[in-house]
PDB file of all heavy atoms in Angstrom:
ATOM      1  N   ARG A   1     114.655 116.327 107.564  1.00  0.00           N
ATOM      2  CA  ARG A   1     113.335 116.263 108.199  1.00  0.00           C
ATOM      3  C   ARG A   1     113.225 115.012 109.052  1.00  0.00           C
ATOM      4  O   ARG A   1     113.963 114.051 108.884  1.00  0.00           O
ATOM      5  CB  ARG A   1     112.219 116.252 107.157  1.00  0.00           C
ATOM      6  CG  ARG A   1     112.092 114.982 106.345  1.00  0.00           C
ATOM      7  CD  ARG A   1     111.028 115.143 105.299  1.00  0.00           C
ATOM      8  NE  ARG A   1     110.817 113.927 104.540  1.00  0.00           N
ATOM      9  CZ  ARG A   1     109.964 112.980 104.876  1.00  0.00           C
ATOM     10  NH1 ARG A   1     109.300 113.081 106.007  1.00  0.00           N
ATOM     11  NH2 ARG A   1     109.811 111.897 104.145  1.00  0.00           N
ATOM     12  N   ALA A   2     112.318 115.030 109.995  1.00  0.00           N
ATOM     13  CA  ALA A   2     112.121 113.877 110.865  1.00  0.00           C
ATOM     14  C   ALA A   2     111.507 112.731 110.068  1.00  0.00           C
ATOM     15  O   ALA A   2     110.625 112.921 109.242  1.00  0.00           O
ATOM     16  CB  ALA A   2     111.213 114.232 112.031  1.00  0.00           C
ATOM     17  N   ALA A   3     111.991 111.518 110.335  1.00  0.00           N
ATOM     18  CA  ALA A   3     111.470 110.351 109.624  1.00  0.00           C
ATOM     19  C   ALA A   3     110.033 110.068 110.059  1.00  0.00           C
ATOM     20  O   ALA A   3     109.729 110.047 111.226  1.00  0.00           O
ATOM     21  CB  ALA A   3     112.338 109.137 109.923  1.00  0.00           C
ATOM     22  N   PRO A   4     109.143 109.854 109.100  1.00  0.00           N
ATOM     23  CA  PRO A   4     107.741 109.600 109.467  1.00  0.00           C
ATOM     24  C   PRO A   4     107.500 108.157 109.843  1.00  0.00           C
ATOM     25  O   PRO A   4     106.387 107.790 110.159  1.00  0.00           O
ATOM     26  CB  PRO A   4     106.992 109.956 108.164  1.00  0.00           C
ATOM     27  CG  PRO A   4     107.972 109.627 107.080  1.00  0.00           C
ATOM     28  CD  PRO A   4     109.326 109.957 107.642  1.00  0.00           C
ATOM     29  N   PHE A   5     108.542 107.303 109.796  1.00  0.00           N
ATOM     30  CA  PHE A   5     108.351 105.918 110.192  1.00  0.00           C
ATOM     31  C   PHE A   5     109.659 105.333 110.662  1.00  0.00           C
ATOM     32  O   PHE A   5     110.737 105.883 110.415  1.00  0.00           O
ATOM     33  CB  PHE A   5     107.756 105.077 109.064  1.00  0.00           C
ATOM     34  CG  PHE A   5     108.450 105.226 107.742  1.00  0.00           C
ATOM     35  CD1 PHE A   5     109.620 104.542 107.464  1.00  0.00           C
ATOM     36  CD2 PHE A   5     107.932 106.043 106.759  1.00  0.00           C
ATOM     37  CE1 PHE A   5     110.252 104.660 106.251  1.00  0.00           C
ATOM     38  CE2 PHE A   5     108.561 106.174 105.530  1.00  0.00           C
ATOM     39  CZ  PHE A   5     109.732 105.478 105.276  1.00  0.00           C
ATOM     40  N   LEU A   6     109.594 104.224 111.368  1.00  0.00           N
ATOM     41  CA  LEU A   6     110.772 103.563 111.904  1.00  0.00           C
ATOM     42  C   LEU A   6     111.240 102.477 110.949  1.00  0.00           C
ATOM     43  O   LEU A   6     110.482 101.988 110.129  1.00  0.00           O
ATOM     44  CB  LEU A   6     110.455 102.957 113.275  1.00  0.00           C
ATOM     45  CG  LEU A   6     109.892 103.919 114.335  1.00  0.00           C
ATOM     46  CD1 LEU A   6     109.554 103.166 115.599  1.00  0.00           C
ATOM     47  CD2 LEU A   6     110.877 105.049 114.621  1.00  0.00           C
ATOM     48  N   ALA A   7     112.526 102.071 111.124  1.00  0.00           N
ATOM     49  CA  ALA A   7     113.111 101.016 110.284  1.00  0.00           C
ATOM     50  C   ALA A   7     112.786 101.230 108.815  1.00  0.00           C
ATOM     51  O   ALA A   7     112.182 100.366 108.165  1.00  0.00           O
ATOM     52  CB  ALA A   7     112.615  99.636 110.745  1.00  0.00           C
ATOM     53  N   PRO A   8     113.142 102.367 108.243  1.00  0.00           N
ATOM     54  CA  PRO A   8     112.686 102.715 106.878  1.00  0.00           C
ATOM     55  C   PRO A   8     113.127 101.745 105.797  1.00  0.00           C
ATOM     56  O   PRO A   8     112.355 101.416 104.913  1.00  0.00           O
ATOM     57  CB  PRO A   8     113.243 104.117 106.660  1.00  0.00           C
ATOM     58  CG  PRO A   8     114.383 104.244 107.626  1.00  0.00           C
ATOM     59  CD  PRO A   8     114.004 103.437 108.802  1.00  0.00           C
ATOM     60  N   HIS A   9     114.401 101.288 105.840  1.00  0.00           N
ATOM     61  CA  HIS A   9     114.823 100.346 104.801  1.00  0.00           C
ATOM     62  C   HIS A   9     114.067  99.022 104.906  1.00  0.00           C
ATOM     63  O   HIS A   9     113.673  98.435 103.891  1.00  0.00           O
ATOM     64  CB  HIS A   9     116.336 100.065 104.926  1.00  0.00           C
ATOM     65  CG  HIS A   9     117.194 101.215 104.489  1.00  0.00           C
ATOM     66  ND1 HIS A   9     117.825 102.053 105.383  1.00  0.00           N
ATOM     67  CD2 HIS A   9     117.552 101.651 103.264  1.00  0.00           C
ATOM     68  CE1 HIS A   9     118.514 102.955 104.723  1.00  0.00           C
ATOM     69  NE2 HIS A   9     118.367 102.749 103.437  1.00  0.00           N
ATOM     70  N   PHE A  10     113.860  98.574 106.100  1.00  0.00           N
ATOM     71  CA  PHE A  10     113.147  97.297 106.302  1.00  0.00           C
ATOM     72  C   PHE A  10     111.700  97.403 105.833  1.00  0.00           C
ATOM     73  O   PHE A  10     111.230  96.554 105.061  1.00  0.00           O
ATOM     74  CB  PHE A  10     113.204  96.908 107.779  1.00  0.00           C
ATOM     75  CG  PHE A  10     112.348  95.731 108.132  1.00  0.00           C
ATOM     76  CD1 PHE A  10     112.718  94.446 107.740  1.00  0.00           C
ATOM     77  CD2 PHE A  10     111.187  95.880 108.861  1.00  0.00           C
ATOM     78  CE1 PHE A  10     111.943  93.354 108.076  1.00  0.00           C
ATOM     79  CE2 PHE A  10     110.400  94.798 109.186  1.00  0.00           C
ATOM     80  CZ  PHE A  10     110.769  93.524 108.805  1.00  0.00           C
ATOM     81  N   THR A  11     110.984  98.431 106.266  1.00  0.00           N
ATOM     82  CA  THR A  11     109.581  98.544 105.884  1.00  0.00           C
ATOM     83  C   THR A  11     109.427  98.805 104.392  1.00  0.00           C
ATOM     84  O   THR A  11     108.465  98.329 103.766  1.00  0.00           O
ATOM     85  CB  THR A  11     108.889  99.655 106.683  1.00  0.00           C
ATOM     86  OG1 THR A  11     109.609 100.887 106.563  1.00  0.00           O
ATOM     87  CG2 THR A  11     108.798  99.278 108.151  1.00  0.00           C
ATOM     88  N   THR A  12     110.387  99.516 103.809  1.00  0.00           N
ATOM     89  CA  THR A  12     110.357  99.723 102.365  1.00  0.00           C
ATOM     90  C   THR A  12     110.498  98.398 101.634  1.00  0.00           C
ATOM     91  O   THR A  12     109.781  98.119 100.662  1.00  0.00           O
ATOM     92  CB  THR A  12     111.468 100.679 101.927  1.00  0.00           C
ATOM     93  OG1 THR A  12     111.241 101.984 102.517  1.00  0.00           O
ATOM     94  CG2 THR A  12     111.529 100.836 100.419  1.00  0.00           C
ATOM     95  N   ARG A  13     111.395  97.559 102.115  1.00  0.00           N
ATOM     96  CA  ARG A  13     111.581  96.249 101.487  1.00  0.00           C
ATOM     97  C   ARG A  13     110.349  95.372 101.676  1.00  0.00           C
ATOM     98  O   ARG A  13     109.948  94.642 100.752  1.00  0.00           O
ATOM     99  CB  ARG A  13     112.798  95.568 102.113  1.00  0.00           C
ATOM    100  CG  ARG A  13     113.178  94.249 101.439  1.00  0.00           C
ATOM    101  CD  ARG A  13     113.667  94.476 100.022  1.00  0.00           C
ATOM    102  NE  ARG A  13     114.151  93.257  99.408  1.00  0.00           N
ATOM    103  CZ  ARG A  13     114.654  93.191  98.194  1.00  0.00           C
ATOM    104  NH1 ARG A  13     114.755  94.274  97.465  1.00  0.00           N
ATOM    105  NH2 ARG A  13     115.057  92.037  97.690  1.00  0.00           N
ATOM    106  N   VAL A  14     109.747  95.434 102.831  1.00  0.00           N
ATOM    107  CA  VAL A  14     108.527  94.651 103.097  1.00  0.00           C
ATOM    108  C   VAL A  14     107.432  95.035 102.102  1.00  0.00           C
ATOM    109  O   VAL A  14     106.756  94.178 101.529  1.00  0.00           O
ATOM    110  CB  VAL A  14     108.049  94.871 104.539  1.00  0.00           C
ATOM    111  CG1 VAL A  14     106.615  94.396 104.728  1.00  0.00           C
ATOM    112  CG2 VAL A  14     108.964  94.151 105.518  1.00  0.00           C
ATOM    113  N   LEU A  15     107.271  96.330 101.870  1.00  0.00           N
ATOM    114  CA  LEU A  15     106.232  96.788 100.933  1.00  0.00           C
ATOM    115  C   LEU A  15     106.562  96.354  99.510  1.00  0.00           C
ATOM    116  O   LEU A  15     105.653  95.969  98.755  1.00  0.00           O
ATOM    117  CB  LEU A  15     106.096  98.304 101.006  1.00  0.00           C
ATOM    118  CG  LEU A  15     105.399  98.832 102.261  1.00  0.00           C
ATOM    119  CD1 LEU A  15     105.524 100.337 102.354  1.00  0.00           C
ATOM    120  CD2 LEU A  15     103.925  98.427 102.239  1.00  0.00           C
ATOM    121  N   GLN A  16     107.826  96.400  99.135  1.00  0.00           N
ATOM    122  CA  GLN A  16     108.203  95.944  97.794  1.00  0.00           C
ATOM    123  C   GLN A  16     107.826  94.480  97.594  1.00  0.00           C
ATOM    124  O   GLN A  16     107.258  94.095  96.557  1.00  0.00           O
ATOM    125  CB  GLN A  16     109.709  96.119  97.578  1.00  0.00           C
ATOM    126  CG  GLN A  16     110.149  97.535  97.317  1.00  0.00           C
ATOM    127  CD  GLN A  16     111.636  97.593  97.091  1.00  0.00           C
ATOM    128  OE1 GLN A  16     112.419  97.571  98.041  1.00  0.00           O
ATOM    129  NE2 GLN A  16     112.050  97.685  95.849  1.00  0.00           N
ATOM    130  N   MET A  17     108.144  93.657  98.578  1.00  0.00           N
ATOM    131  CA  MET A  17     107.844  92.222  98.453  1.00  0.00           C
ATOM    132  C   MET A  17     106.335  91.988  98.465  1.00  0.00           C
ATOM    133  O   MET A  17     105.827  91.140  97.705  1.00  0.00           O
ATOM    134  CB  MET A  17     108.512  91.460  99.595  1.00  0.00           C
ATOM    135  CG  MET A  17     110.036  91.466  99.495  1.00  0.00           C
ATOM    136  SD  MET A  17     110.834  90.404 100.737  1.00  0.00           S
ATOM    137  CE  MET A  17     110.320  91.210 102.244  1.00  0.00           C
ATOM    138  N   ALA A  18     105.621  92.718  99.299  1.00  0.00           N
ATOM    139  CA  ALA A  18     104.180  92.529  99.359  1.00  0.00           C
ATOM    140  C   ALA A  18     103.512  92.953  98.048  1.00  0.00           C
ATOM    141  O   ALA A  18     102.589  92.276  97.570  1.00  0.00           O
ATOM    142  CB  ALA A  18     103.594  93.351 100.514  1.00  0.00           C
ATOM    143  N   GLU A  19     103.978  94.042  97.462  1.00  0.00           N
ATOM    144  CA  GLU A  19     103.416  94.482  96.190  1.00  0.00           C
ATOM    145  C   GLU A  19     103.720  93.470  95.082  1.00  0.00           C
ATOM    146  O   GLU A  19     102.885  93.190  94.233  1.00  0.00           O
ATOM    147  CB  GLU A  19     103.951  95.867  95.824  1.00  0.00           C
ATOM    148  CG  GLU A  19     103.436  96.991  96.727  1.00  0.00           C
ATOM    149  CD  GLU A  19     104.048  98.335  96.372  1.00  0.00           C
ATOM    150  OE1 GLU A  19     104.865  98.390  95.446  1.00  0.00           O
ATOM    151  OE2 GLU A  19     103.696  99.321  97.045  1.00  0.00           O
ATOM    152  N   ALA A  20     104.933  92.924  95.116  1.00  0.00           N
ATOM    153  CA  ALA A  20     105.296  91.916  94.105  1.00  0.00           C
ATOM    154  C   ALA A  20     104.445  90.656  94.231  1.00  0.00           C
ATOM    155  O   ALA A  20     104.143  89.990  93.247  1.00  0.00           O
ATOM    156  CB  ALA A  20     106.775  91.552  94.228  1.00  0.00           C
ATOM    157  N   GLU A  21     104.032  90.346  95.451  1.00  0.00           N
ATOM    158  CA  GLU A  21     103.196  89.168  95.691  1.00  0.00           C
ATOM    159  C   GLU A  21     101.716  89.449  95.452  1.00  0.00           C
ATOM    160  O   GLU A  21     100.890  88.533  95.503  1.00  0.00           O
ATOM    161  CB  GLU A  21     103.377  88.682  97.125  1.00  0.00           C
ATOM    162  CG  GLU A  21     104.783  88.186  97.436  1.00  0.00           C
ATOM    163  CD  GLU A  21     105.022  87.994  98.931  1.00  0.00           C
ATOM    164  OE1 GLU A  21     104.047  88.238  99.692  1.00  0.00           O
ATOM    165  OE2 GLU A  21     106.125  87.614  99.301  1.00  0.00           O
ATOM    166  N   GLY A  22     101.371  90.727  95.203  1.00  0.00           N
ATOM    167  CA  GLY A  22      99.972  91.083  95.005  1.00  0.00           C
ATOM    168  C   GLY A  22      99.177  91.107  96.289  1.00  0.00           C
ATOM    169  O   GLY A  22      97.951  90.990  96.274  1.00  0.00           O
ATOM    170  N   ARG A  23      99.853  91.300  97.405  1.00  0.00           N
ATOM    171  CA  ARG A  23      99.166  91.300  98.697  1.00  0.00           C
ATOM    172  C   ARG A  23      98.452  92.626  98.888  1.00  0.00           C
ATOM    173  O   ARG A  23      99.020  93.706  98.618  1.00  0.00           O
ATOM    174  CB  ARG A  23     100.200  91.084  99.808  1.00  0.00           C
ATOM    175  CG  ARG A  23      99.608  91.008 101.202  1.00  0.00           C
ATOM    176  CD  ARG A  23     100.651  90.585 102.204  1.00  0.00           C
ATOM    177  NE  ARG A  23     100.097  90.514 103.523  1.00  0.00           N
ATOM    178  CZ  ARG A  23     100.685  89.945 104.554  1.00  0.00           C
ATOM    179  NH1 ARG A  23     101.867  89.380 104.389  1.00  0.00           N
ATOM    180  NH2 ARG A  23     100.127  89.918 105.744  1.00  0.00           N
ATOM    181  N   PRO A  24      97.208  92.631  99.372  1.00  0.00           N
ATOM    182  CA  PRO A  24      96.483  93.892  99.611  1.00  0.00           C
ATOM    183  C   PRO A  24      97.213  94.744 100.633  1.00  0.00           C
ATOM    184  O   PRO A  24      97.619  94.251 101.697  1.00  0.00           O
ATOM    185  CB  PRO A  24      95.131  93.415 100.172  1.00  0.00           C
ATOM    186  CG  PRO A  24      94.984  92.013  99.698  1.00  0.00           C
ATOM    187  CD  PRO A  24      96.363  91.440  99.663  1.00  0.00           C
ATOM    188  N   LEU A  25      97.400  96.018 100.306  1.00  0.00           N
ATOM    189  CA  LEU A  25      98.160  96.903 101.171  1.00  0.00           C
ATOM    190  C   LEU A  25      97.233  97.578 102.181  1.00  0.00           C
ATOM    191  O   LEU A  25      97.041  98.793 102.179  1.00  0.00           O
ATOM    192  CB  LEU A  25      98.907  97.943 100.333  1.00  0.00           C
ATOM    193  CG  LEU A  25      99.890  97.378  99.299  1.00  0.00           C
ATOM    194  CD1 LEU A  25     100.585  98.475  98.538  1.00  0.00           C
ATOM    195  CD2 LEU A  25     100.874  96.462  99.955  1.00  0.00           C
ATOM    196  N   ASP A  26      96.637  96.796 103.029  1.00  0.00           N
ATOM    197  CA  ASP A  26      95.789  97.348 104.085  1.00  0.00           C
ATOM    198  C   ASP A  26      95.801  96.391 105.265  1.00  0.00           C
ATOM    199  O   ASP A  26      96.321  95.281 105.197  1.00  0.00           O
ATOM    200  CB  ASP A  26      94.370  97.599 103.574  1.00  0.00           C
ATOM    201  CG  ASP A  26      93.712  96.327 103.036  1.00  0.00           C
ATOM    202  OD1 ASP A  26      94.290  95.244 103.165  1.00  0.00           O
ATOM    203  OD2 ASP A  26      92.594  96.440 102.519  1.00  0.00           O
ATOM    204  N   GLY A  27      95.263  96.854 106.365  1.00  0.00           N
ATOM    205  CA  GLY A  27      95.224  96.039 107.577  1.00  0.00           C
ATOM    206  C   GLY A  27      96.452  96.270 108.427  1.00  0.00           C
ATOM    207  O   GLY A  27      97.248  97.200 108.211  1.00  0.00           O
ATOM    208  N   ALA A  28      96.644  95.447 109.442  1.00  0.00           N
ATOM    209  CA  ALA A  28      97.793  95.517 110.358  1.00  0.00           C
ATOM    210  C   ALA A  28      98.717  94.345 110.090  1.00  0.00           C
ATOM    211  O   ALA A  28      98.275  93.179 110.140  1.00  0.00           O
ATOM    212  CB  ALA A  28      97.313  95.510 111.807  1.00  0.00           C
ATOM    213  N   TRP A  29      99.953  94.627 109.797  1.00  0.00           N
ATOM    214  CA  TRP A  29     100.947  93.592 109.512  1.00  0.00           C
ATOM    215  C   TRP A  29     101.918  93.521 110.692  1.00  0.00           C
ATOM    216  O   TRP A  29     102.634  94.486 110.985  1.00  0.00           O
ATOM    217  CB  TRP A  29     101.736  93.884 108.253  1.00  0.00           C
ATOM    218  CG  TRP A  29     100.923  93.904 106.990  1.00  0.00           C
ATOM    219  CD1 TRP A  29      99.598  93.652 106.865  1.00  0.00           C
ATOM    220  CD2 TRP A  29     101.409  94.184 105.673  1.00  0.00           C
ATOM    221  NE1 TRP A  29      99.204  93.752 105.547  1.00  0.00           N
ATOM    222  CE2 TRP A  29     100.300  94.082 104.795  1.00  0.00           C
ATOM    223  CE3 TRP A  29     102.640  94.507 105.150  1.00  0.00           C
ATOM    224  CZ2 TRP A  29     100.420  94.320 103.436  1.00  0.00           C
ATOM    225  CZ3 TRP A  29     102.758  94.725 103.798  1.00  0.00           C
ATOM    226  CH2 TRP A  29     101.658  94.630 102.944  1.00  0.00           C
ATOM    227  N   ARG A  30     101.988  92.388 111.351  1.00  0.00           N
ATOM    228  CA  ARG A  30     102.951  92.166 112.415  1.00  0.00           C
ATOM    229  C   ARG A  30     104.242  91.588 111.804  1.00  0.00           C
ATOM    230  O   ARG A  30     104.190  90.522 111.185  1.00  0.00           O
ATOM    231  CB  ARG A  30     102.386  91.209 113.470  1.00  0.00           C
ATOM    232  CG  ARG A  30     103.294  90.991 114.676  1.00  0.00           C
ATOM    233  CD  ARG A  30     103.363  92.223 115.566  1.00  0.00           C
ATOM    234  NE  ARG A  30     102.079  92.563 116.148  1.00  0.00           N
ATOM    235  CZ  ARG A  30     101.654  92.153 117.347  1.00  0.00           C
ATOM    236  NH1 ARG A  30     102.430  91.373 118.085  1.00  0.00           N
ATOM    237  NH2 ARG A  30     100.487  92.534 117.807  1.00  0.00           N
ATOM    238  N   THR A  31     105.359  92.281 111.950  1.00  0.00           N
ATOM    239  CA  THR A  31     106.609  91.808 111.391  1.00  0.00           C
ATOM    240  C   THR A  31     107.470  91.191 112.494  1.00  0.00           C
ATOM    241  O   THR A  31     107.122  91.214 113.664  1.00  0.00           O
ATOM    242  CB  THR A  31     107.401  92.953 110.733  1.00  0.00           C
ATOM    243  OG1 THR A  31     107.905  93.818 111.754  1.00  0.00           O
ATOM    244  CG2 THR A  31     106.524  93.760 109.776  1.00  0.00           C
ATOM    245  N   SER A  32     108.611  90.677 112.101  1.00  0.00           N
ATOM    246  CA  SER A  32     109.526  90.044 113.055  1.00  0.00           C
ATOM    247  C   SER A  32     110.512  91.032 113.671  1.00  0.00           C
ATOM    248  O   SER A  32     111.250  90.695 114.592  1.00  0.00           O
ATOM    249  CB  SER A  32     110.310  88.930 112.362  1.00  0.00           C
ATOM    250  OG  SER A  32     111.089  89.472 111.293  1.00  0.00           O
ATOM    251  N   LEU A  33     110.535  92.264 113.166  1.00  0.00           N
ATOM    252  CA  LEU A  33     111.547  93.231 113.601  1.00  0.00           C
ATOM    253  C   LEU A  33     111.379  93.594 115.077  1.00  0.00           C
ATOM    254  O   LEU A  33     110.249  93.726 115.574  1.00  0.00           O
ATOM    255  CB  LEU A  33     111.453  94.501 112.748  1.00  0.00           C
ATOM    256  CG  LEU A  33     112.668  95.433 112.868  1.00  0.00           C
ATOM    257  CD1 LEU A  33     113.710  95.030 111.864  1.00  0.00           C
ATOM    258  CD2 LEU A  33     112.265  96.876 112.634  1.00  0.00           C
ATOM    259  N   ASP A  34     112.502  93.787 115.736  1.00  0.00           N
ATOM    260  CA  ASP A  34     112.512  94.261 117.128  1.00  0.00           C
ATOM    261  C   ASP A  34     112.885  95.735 117.096  1.00  0.00           C
ATOM    262  O   ASP A  34     114.041  96.077 116.855  1.00  0.00           O
ATOM    263  CB  ASP A  34     113.538  93.447 117.932  1.00  0.00           C
ATOM    264  CG  ASP A  34     113.596  93.850 119.395  1.00  0.00           C
ATOM    265  OD1 ASP A  34     113.259  94.994 119.719  1.00  0.00           O
ATOM    266  OD2 ASP A  34     113.993  93.005 120.220  1.00  0.00           O
ATOM    267  N   ALA A  35     111.919  96.610 117.345  1.00  0.00           N
ATOM    268  CA  ALA A  35     112.157  98.050 117.200  1.00  0.00           C
ATOM    269  C   ALA A  35     113.225  98.559 118.164  1.00  0.00           C
ATOM    270  O   ALA A  35     114.004  99.457 117.813  1.00  0.00           O
ATOM    271  CB  ALA A  35     110.847  98.810 117.439  1.00  0.00           C
ATOM    272  N   GLU A  36     113.310  98.005 119.368  1.00  0.00           N
ATOM    273  CA  GLU A  36     114.311  98.478 120.328  1.00  0.00           C
ATOM    274  C   GLU A  36     115.716  98.046 119.872  1.00  0.00           C
ATOM    275  O   GLU A  36     116.667  98.832 119.965  1.00  0.00           O
ATOM    276  CB  GLU A  36     113.994  97.944 121.721  1.00  0.00           C
ATOM    277  CG  GLU A  36     112.723  98.533 122.300  1.00  0.00           C
ATOM    278  CD  GLU A  36     112.521  98.139 123.742  1.00  0.00           C
ATOM    279  OE1 GLU A  36     113.520  97.892 124.448  1.00  0.00           O
ATOM    280  OE2 GLU A  36     111.361  98.056 124.178  1.00  0.00           O
ATOM    281  N   LEU A  37     115.849  96.822 119.425  1.00  0.00           N
ATOM    282  CA  LEU A  37     117.147  96.387 118.895  1.00  0.00           C
ATOM    283  C   LEU A  37     117.494  97.189 117.652  1.00  0.00           C
ATOM    284  O   LEU A  37     118.662  97.567 117.450  1.00  0.00           O
ATOM    285  CB  LEU A  37     117.119  94.896 118.579  1.00  0.00           C
ATOM    286  CG  LEU A  37     118.394  94.320 117.956  1.00  0.00           C
ATOM    287  CD1 LEU A  37     119.575  94.473 118.899  1.00  0.00           C
ATOM    288  CD2 LEU A  37     118.193  92.840 117.590  1.00  0.00           C
ATOM    289  N   GLN A  38     116.531  97.476 116.816  1.00  0.00           N
ATOM    290  CA  GLN A  38     116.748  98.281 115.611  1.00  0.00           C
ATOM    291  C   GLN A  38     117.341  99.643 115.979  1.00  0.00           C
ATOM    292  O   GLN A  38     118.314 100.090 115.364  1.00  0.00           O
ATOM    293  CB  GLN A  38     115.431  98.478 114.876  1.00  0.00           C
ATOM    294  CG  GLN A  38     115.493  99.409 113.671  1.00  0.00           C
ATOM    295  CD  GLN A  38     116.119  98.767 112.445  1.00  0.00           C
ATOM    296  OE1 GLN A  38     116.257  97.552 112.392  1.00  0.00           O
ATOM    297  NE2 GLN A  38     116.472  99.579 111.475  1.00  0.00           N
ATOM    298  N   ALA A  39     116.793 100.282 116.999  1.00  0.00           N
ATOM    299  CA  ALA A  39     117.296 101.584 117.421  1.00  0.00           C
ATOM    300  C   ALA A  39     118.742 101.481 117.923  1.00  0.00           C
ATOM    301  O   ALA A  39     119.556 102.362 117.633  1.00  0.00           O
ATOM    302  CB  ALA A  39     116.396 102.168 118.514  1.00  0.00           C
ATOM    303  N   LEU A  40     119.058 100.429 118.643  1.00  0.00           N
ATOM    304  CA  LEU A  40     120.429 100.237 119.132  1.00  0.00           C
ATOM    305  C   LEU A  40     121.405 100.093 117.966  1.00  0.00           C
ATOM    306  O   LEU A  40     122.491 100.711 117.964  1.00  0.00           O
ATOM    307  CB  LEU A  40     120.507  98.993 120.017  1.00  0.00           C
ATOM    308  CG  LEU A  40     119.789  99.053 121.375  1.00  0.00           C
ATOM    309  CD1 LEU A  40     119.828  97.707 122.054  1.00  0.00           C
ATOM    310  CD2 LEU A  40     120.430 100.117 122.268  1.00  0.00           C
ATOM    311  N   LEU A  41     121.039  99.298 116.966  1.00  0.00           N
ATOM    312  CA  LEU A  41     121.935  99.087 115.828  1.00  0.00           C
ATOM    313  C   LEU A  41     122.055 100.310 114.945  1.00  0.00           C
ATOM    314  O   LEU A  41     123.128 100.588 114.389  1.00  0.00           O
ATOM    315  CB  LEU A  41     121.501  97.863 115.022  1.00  0.00           C
ATOM    316  CG  LEU A  41     122.299  96.597 115.362  1.00  0.00           C
ATOM    317  CD1 LEU A  41     122.016  96.174 116.796  1.00  0.00           C
ATOM    318  CD2 LEU A  41     121.962  95.477 114.425  1.00  0.00           C
ATOM    319  N   GLU A  42     120.969 101.060 114.805  1.00  0.00           N
ATOM    320  CA  GLU A  42     121.067 102.305 114.022  1.00  0.00           C
ATOM    321  C   GLU A  42     122.068 103.256 114.675  1.00  0.00           C
ATOM    322  O   GLU A  42     122.856 103.912 113.992  1.00  0.00           O
ATOM    323  CB  GLU A  42     119.691 102.950 113.921  1.00  0.00           C
ATOM    324  CG  GLU A  42     118.736 102.215 112.976  1.00  0.00           C
ATOM    325  CD  GLU A  42     117.356 102.848 112.962  1.00  0.00           C
ATOM    326  OE1 GLU A  42     117.107 103.778 113.764  1.00  0.00           O
ATOM    327  OE2 GLU A  42     116.511 102.410 112.155  1.00  0.00           O
ATOM    328  N   ALA A  43     122.054 103.324 116.016  1.00  0.00           N
ATOM    329  CA  ALA A  43     123.007 104.186 116.718  1.00  0.00           C
ATOM    330  C   ALA A  43     124.441 103.701 116.525  1.00  0.00           C
ATOM    331  O   ALA A  43     125.356 104.505 116.348  1.00  0.00           O
ATOM    332  CB  ALA A  43     122.650 104.231 118.219  1.00  0.00           C
TER     333      ALA A  43
END
């Protein structure tokens, strides 16, 4: 099936760390990832 999100391993790890820190899982989170570079490396 089509992936419902980009950089899945990275965002999964981000959520794990945020949950461990007790951070509220809402709002907009700006990460350091470069989506275009991510696509190049995935290829």
